[in-house]
């Protein structure tokens, strides 16, 4: 569905994947869903956006969990796009290290862990290793560890949109934290950083779009947790 002009969410891929139209950089895909979902993303592109796979120039991964990188290899092959991810999660995405599932695991992720021996993402070496405050595809990279070491948010200042990965979610009318926590202190610090930004729309890896006045709702949630 189209959330805002030039920002689309692809449904039915077991995480929220976003297609973002840039002013000069073509289309950017944020996250890729579970394995086997590349056809759904490509179908949305051709059917709704009327664009070709090669129109996607960049694939940005918010973090290295399988529900975000599962179809990365297939999408990279189909589009020829450059893959960008934070340097701290790059080895997990490339299959060089195993990702810890952490603490405070929701039932959904416990289920994923049980299935993990049978569900694996094809390894992909990121072309671009991102760092905090980098600019990519018209967005600012915000390193937001705690869910994974290399979790990132992406801030589109022009559109006042914040892509938060799994740092925050909006479910059932409520803002919540991540479904998995590796480091609770880092999560709090990461939430504090994004709460200082001005954004009207929050788009997360799971849940619904939060708008308008998303920044105020996030600050209210953080205050309630401290």
Protein backbone atom coordinates (compact mmCIF):
# COMPACT_ATOMS: atom_id res chain seq x y z
CA UNK A 1 0.00 0.00 0.00
CA UNK A 2 1.07 3.60 -0.53
CA UNK A 3 1.68 5.25 2.84
CA UNK A 4 2.84 8.60 1.51
CA UNK A 5 3.67 9.74 -2.02
CA UNK A 6 6.80 7.82 -2.94
CA UNK A 7 6.71 5.47 0.08
CA UNK A 8 5.07 2.06 -0.25
CA UNK A 9 4.75 -0.91 2.11
CA UNK A 10 4.74 -4.42 0.67
CA UNK A 11 2.34 -6.67 2.57
CA UNK A 12 2.51 -10.41 3.16
CA UNK A 13 6.28 -10.85 3.48
CA UNK A 14 6.44 -11.50 7.27
CA UNK A 15 8.01 -8.15 8.02
CA UNK A 16 7.29 -4.70 6.68
CA UNK A 17 9.31 -4.05 3.55
CA UNK A 18 9.31 -0.52 2.18
CA UNK A 19 9.93 0.82 -1.29
CA UNK A 20 11.05 4.44 -1.26
CA UNK A 21 11.30 6.60 -4.34
CA UNK A 22 14.25 8.94 -4.33
CA UNK A 23 14.56 12.27 -6.06
CA UNK A 24 17.71 11.27 -7.93
CA UNK A 25 18.58 7.75 -6.78
CA UNK A 26 15.75 5.60 -8.15
CA UNK A 27 13.92 3.24 -5.81
CA UNK A 28 15.32 2.00 -2.49
CA UNK A 29 14.11 -1.21 -0.85
CA UNK A 30 14.25 -1.31 2.95
CA UNK A 31 14.38 -4.94 4.21
CA UNK A 32 13.26 -8.00 2.26
CA UNK A 33 11.11 -10.26 4.45
CA UNK A 34 11.41 -13.99 4.97
CA UNK A 35 12.89 -16.40 2.40
CA UNK A 36 10.67 -16.93 -0.62
CA UNK A 37 9.10 -13.46 -0.70
CA UNK A 38 11.05 -11.90 -3.57
CA UNK A 39 8.24 -12.66 -6.04
CA UNK A 40 5.75 -10.70 -3.92
CA UNK A 41 8.03 -7.67 -3.82
CA UNK A 42 8.75 -7.84 -7.54
CA UNK A 43 5.05 -8.31 -8.30
CA UNK A 44 4.21 -5.19 -6.31
CA UNK A 45 6.84 -3.26 -8.20
CA UNK A 46 5.61 -4.31 -11.63
CA UNK A 47 1.88 -4.28 -10.86
CA UNK A 48 1.51 -1.23 -8.61
CA UNK A 49 4.58 0.90 -9.22
CA UNK A 50 4.90 0.01 -12.92
CA UNK A 51 8.66 -0.15 -12.57
CA UNK A 52 11.34 -2.67 -13.46
CA UNK A 53 13.53 -4.64 -11.02
CA UNK A 54 16.54 -2.63 -12.19
CA UNK A 55 14.85 0.55 -10.95
CA UNK A 56 15.78 -0.53 -7.42
CA UNK A 57 19.28 0.86 -6.98
CA UNK A 58 19.83 0.23 -3.26
CA UNK A 59 18.67 -2.36 -0.73
CA UNK A 60 19.10 -1.24 2.87
CA UNK A 61 18.92 -3.79 5.67
CA UNK A 62 17.88 -2.44 9.08
CA UNK A 63 19.34 -5.48 10.88
CA UNK A 64 20.41 -9.05 10.30
CA UNK A 65 17.44 -11.15 11.46
CA UNK A 66 16.06 -13.69 9.00
CA UNK A 67 12.66 -12.01 8.67
CA UNK A 68 14.46 -8.94 7.30
CA UNK A 69 17.19 -10.56 5.18
CA UNK A 70 15.45 -13.78 4.08
CA UNK A 71 14.84 -12.67 0.49
CA UNK A 72 17.89 -10.43 0.23
CA UNK A 73 19.92 -12.73 -2.03
CA UNK A 74 16.99 -13.18 -4.44
CA UNK A 75 16.25 -9.45 -4.54
CA UNK A 76 19.89 -8.57 -5.11
CA UNK A 77 20.06 -11.04 -7.99
CA UNK A 78 16.80 -9.76 -9.51
CA UNK A 79 17.61 -6.07 -9.24
CA UNK A 80 21.38 -5.82 -9.33
CA UNK A 81 21.06 -3.31 -6.49
CA UNK A 82 23.82 -2.49 -4.03
CA UNK A 83 23.22 -3.84 -0.52
CA UNK A 84 23.87 -1.57 2.44
CA UNK A 85 23.89 -2.56 6.13
CA UNK A 86 25.57 -1.41 9.31
CA UNK A 87 29.08 -2.74 9.72
CA UNK A 88 28.22 -4.40 13.06
CA UNK A 89 25.64 -6.70 11.43
CA UNK A 90 27.51 -7.27 8.16
CA UNK A 91 29.06 -10.60 9.20
CA UNK A 92 25.65 -11.96 10.24
CA UNK A 93 24.17 -11.02 6.87
CA UNK A 94 27.17 -12.55 5.09
CA UNK A 95 26.75 -15.81 7.02
CA UNK A 96 30.11 -15.49 8.76
CA UNK A 97 28.62 -15.33 12.26
CA UNK A 98 25.47 -16.64 13.94
CA UNK A 99 23.07 -14.08 15.39
CA UNK A 100 22.14 -14.43 19.06
CA UNK A 101 18.39 -14.30 19.67
CA UNK A 102 18.84 -12.42 22.94
CA UNK A 103 16.41 -11.92 25.81
CA UNK A 104 12.73 -11.02 26.15
CA UNK A 105 11.83 -13.09 23.10
CA UNK A 106 8.22 -12.96 21.91
CA UNK A 107 6.33 -16.14 21.04
CA UNK A 108 6.73 -15.36 17.33
CA UNK A 109 10.52 -15.27 17.56
CA UNK A 110 10.60 -18.39 19.71
CA UNK A 111 8.75 -20.04 16.85
CA UNK A 112 11.31 -18.71 14.34
CA UNK A 113 14.12 -20.08 16.51
CA UNK A 114 12.54 -23.54 16.52
CA UNK A 115 12.32 -23.40 12.72
CA UNK A 116 15.78 -21.91 12.23
CA UNK A 117 17.51 -25.25 11.39
CA UNK A 118 15.10 -25.55 8.45
CA UNK A 119 14.94 -21.88 7.42
CA UNK A 120 18.11 -20.14 6.42
CA UNK A 121 18.79 -16.96 4.52
CA UNK A 122 21.28 -17.22 1.68
CA UNK A 123 24.37 -15.23 2.72
CA UNK A 124 25.00 -11.87 1.08
CA UNK A 125 28.06 -9.73 1.58
CA UNK A 126 26.91 -6.09 1.89
CA UNK A 127 28.42 -3.78 -0.70
CA UNK A 128 28.25 -0.76 1.60
CA UNK A 129 29.08 -0.83 5.30
CA UNK A 130 27.11 1.86 7.05
CA UNK A 131 28.07 3.89 10.11
CA UNK A 132 26.19 6.29 12.34
CA UNK A 133 25.30 9.58 10.61
CA UNK A 134 26.03 8.28 7.11
CA UNK A 135 23.77 9.51 4.33
CA UNK A 136 22.27 6.98 1.94
CA UNK A 137 19.47 7.28 -0.60
CA UNK A 138 18.46 10.65 0.80
CA UNK A 139 18.20 9.38 4.38
CA UNK A 140 20.33 9.72 7.51
CA UNK A 141 21.60 6.52 9.16
CA UNK A 142 21.06 6.34 12.91
CA UNK A 143 22.89 3.49 14.62
CA UNK A 144 20.37 2.08 17.09
CA UNK A 145 21.87 -1.05 18.73
CA UNK A 146 20.20 -3.16 21.38
CA UNK A 147 17.94 -5.32 19.22
CA UNK A 148 21.03 -6.41 17.27
CA UNK A 149 24.54 -4.90 17.37
CA UNK A 150 24.08 -3.25 13.99
CA UNK A 151 20.42 -2.23 14.07
CA UNK A 152 19.76 1.06 12.33
CA UNK A 153 17.00 3.59 11.82
CA UNK A 154 16.70 5.70 8.69
CA UNK A 155 15.61 9.32 8.93
CA UNK A 156 14.04 11.01 5.92
CA UNK A 157 14.14 14.63 7.09
CA UNK A 158 12.52 15.97 3.94
CA UNK A 159 9.43 13.80 4.33
CA UNK A 160 9.61 13.78 8.17
CA UNK A 161 9.57 9.98 8.16
CA UNK A 162 11.53 7.67 10.47
CA UNK A 163 12.07 4.02 9.53
CA UNK A 164 12.83 2.34 12.86
CA UNK A 165 13.40 -1.32 11.96
CA UNK A 166 12.55 -3.32 15.09
CA UNK A 167 13.57 -0.69 17.63
CA UNK A 168 9.94 0.39 18.02
CA UNK A 169 6.57 -0.89 16.86
CA UNK A 170 3.01 0.40 16.67
CA UNK A 171 0.56 -2.42 17.36
CA UNK A 172 -3.05 -2.30 18.45
CA UNK A 173 -2.92 1.44 18.90
CA UNK A 174 0.12 1.31 21.19
CA UNK A 175 3.81 2.06 20.75
CA UNK A 176 5.95 -0.82 22.02
CA UNK A 177 9.62 -1.75 22.13
CA UNK A 178 11.50 -4.47 20.25
CA UNK A 179 10.38 -8.13 20.30
CA UNK A 180 13.93 -9.20 21.14
CA UNK A 181 16.46 -7.40 23.34
CA UNK A 182 20.18 -8.13 23.31
CA UNK A 183 21.09 -5.16 25.50
CA UNK A 184 18.37 -3.26 27.38
CA UNK A 185 20.67 -0.33 28.13
CA UNK A 186 21.49 0.11 24.44
CA UNK A 187 17.81 -0.09 23.53
CA UNK A 188 17.02 2.74 25.95
CA UNK A 189 19.88 4.83 24.59
CA UNK A 190 18.77 4.18 21.01
CA UNK A 191 15.18 5.16 21.81
CA UNK A 192 16.46 8.31 23.47
CA UNK A 193 18.37 9.28 20.33
CA UNK A 194 15.43 8.88 17.97
CA UNK A 195 13.08 10.67 20.38
CA UNK A 196 15.03 13.88 19.75
CA UNK A 197 14.18 13.84 16.05
CA UNK A 198 11.20 15.55 14.45
CA UNK A 199 9.11 13.08 12.43
CA UNK A 200 5.46 12.93 11.56
CA UNK A 201 5.43 9.28 10.47
CA UNK A 202 7.07 6.21 12.06
CA UNK A 203 7.42 3.09 9.93
CA UNK A 204 8.58 -0.06 11.70
CA UNK A 205 9.58 -3.56 10.75
CA UNK A 206 6.41 -4.97 12.29
CA UNK A 207 3.06 -3.39 13.01
CA UNK A 208 1.22 -0.47 11.50
CA UNK A 209 2.30 3.00 10.33
CA UNK A 210 2.14 5.55 13.13
CA UNK A 211 0.95 8.97 12.01
CA UNK A 212 0.52 11.86 12.50
CA UNK A 213 2.62 13.35 15.31
CA UNK A 214 4.60 10.12 15.59
CA UNK A 215 7.48 11.80 17.40
CA UNK A 216 5.17 12.92 20.22
CA UNK A 217 3.74 9.42 20.60
CA UNK A 218 7.24 7.94 20.77
CA UNK A 219 8.32 10.42 23.42
CA UNK A 220 5.19 9.61 25.46
CA UNK A 221 6.05 5.91 25.29
CA UNK A 222 9.65 6.46 26.34
CA UNK A 223 8.57 8.60 29.29
CA UNK A 224 6.19 5.86 30.40
CA UNK A 225 9.00 3.30 30.33
CA UNK A 226 11.45 5.29 32.45
